[in-house]
């Protein structure tokens, strides 16, 4: 599944942050399934590589369940 990017405005500073979300491939097919959550800072830089690495680990069976990956930027 393609990553989702959504803006998150900070009403105090006026700055706009980005939130990046990568959902497991089977997410839409399993609405009742619970997934682990991996949240990371510096999502703008690290998110693309980490989300790909996590997906590869899940596909190889190195981790039991592919997590939802959230990057904050």
Protein backbone atom coordinates (compact mmCIF):
# COMPACT_ATOMS: atom_id res chain seq x y z
CA UNK A 1 0.00 0.00 0.00
CA UNK A 2 1.31 3.46 -0.81
CA UNK A 3 2.24 5.73 2.09
CA UNK A 4 -0.28 8.35 3.15
CA UNK A 5 0.91 11.89 3.90
CA UNK A 6 -1.28 14.36 5.74
CA UNK A 7 -0.59 17.87 7.05
CA UNK A 8 -0.83 18.57 10.76
CA UNK A 9 -0.97 22.29 11.58
CA UNK A 10 0.32 23.54 14.94
CA UNK A 11 -2.07 26.28 16.06
CA UNK A 12 0.46 27.71 18.53
CA UNK A 13 3.50 28.14 16.28
CA UNK A 14 1.66 28.31 12.97
CA UNK A 15 4.05 25.68 11.62
CA UNK A 16 2.70 22.84 9.53
CA UNK A 17 4.05 19.36 10.21
CA UNK A 18 3.70 16.30 8.03
CA UNK A 19 2.50 12.91 9.23
CA UNK A 20 3.47 9.91 7.11
CA UNK A 21 1.61 6.61 7.45
CA UNK A 22 2.40 3.25 5.87
CA UNK A 23 -0.26 0.58 6.29
CA UNK A 24 0.41 -3.16 5.97
CA UNK A 25 -0.51 -4.73 2.63
CA UNK A 26 -3.38 -6.70 4.18
CA UNK A 27 -4.78 -3.76 6.17
CA UNK A 28 -7.85 -3.11 3.97
CA UNK A 29 -8.72 -6.81 3.85
CA UNK A 30 -8.66 -7.22 7.65
CA UNK A 31 -10.65 -4.42 9.27
CA UNK A 32 -10.83 -6.21 12.65
CA UNK A 33 -7.16 -7.21 12.84
CA UNK A 34 -4.94 -5.40 15.35
CA UNK A 35 -1.51 -4.29 14.16
CA UNK A 36 1.59 -3.20 16.04
CA UNK A 37 2.41 0.49 15.72
CA UNK A 38 5.87 1.90 15.01
CA UNK A 39 6.11 5.68 15.52
CA UNK A 40 9.25 7.57 14.55
CA UNK A 41 10.50 11.13 14.75
CA UNK A 42 12.26 12.74 11.77
CA UNK A 43 9.82 11.04 9.45
CA UNK A 44 10.69 13.29 6.53
CA UNK A 45 14.16 11.78 6.26
CA UNK A 46 13.89 8.33 7.78
CA UNK A 47 10.35 7.28 6.90
CA UNK A 48 10.89 6.08 3.30
CA UNK A 49 13.80 3.80 4.18
CA UNK A 50 12.37 2.50 7.45
CA UNK A 51 8.94 1.73 6.02
CA UNK A 52 10.57 -0.21 3.15
CA UNK A 53 12.83 -2.09 5.57
CA UNK A 54 9.88 -3.04 7.78
CA UNK A 55 7.89 -4.26 4.78
CA UNK A 56 10.84 -6.36 3.58
CA UNK A 57 11.26 -7.92 7.04
CA UNK A 58 7.56 -8.83 7.11
CA UNK A 59 7.69 -10.35 3.63
CA UNK A 60 10.72 -12.48 4.60
CA UNK A 61 8.96 -13.65 7.76
CA UNK A 62 11.58 -12.01 10.00
CA UNK A 63 8.81 -10.27 11.96
CA UNK A 64 5.48 -11.88 12.79
CA UNK A 65 3.16 -9.02 11.84
CA UNK A 66 3.88 -6.02 9.65
CA UNK A 67 3.25 -2.90 11.76
CA UNK A 68 1.58 0.35 10.88
CA UNK A 69 4.49 2.79 10.50
CA UNK A 70 3.95 6.46 11.37
CA UNK A 71 6.58 9.14 10.78
CA UNK A 72 6.33 12.61 12.27
CA UNK A 73 8.12 15.46 10.57
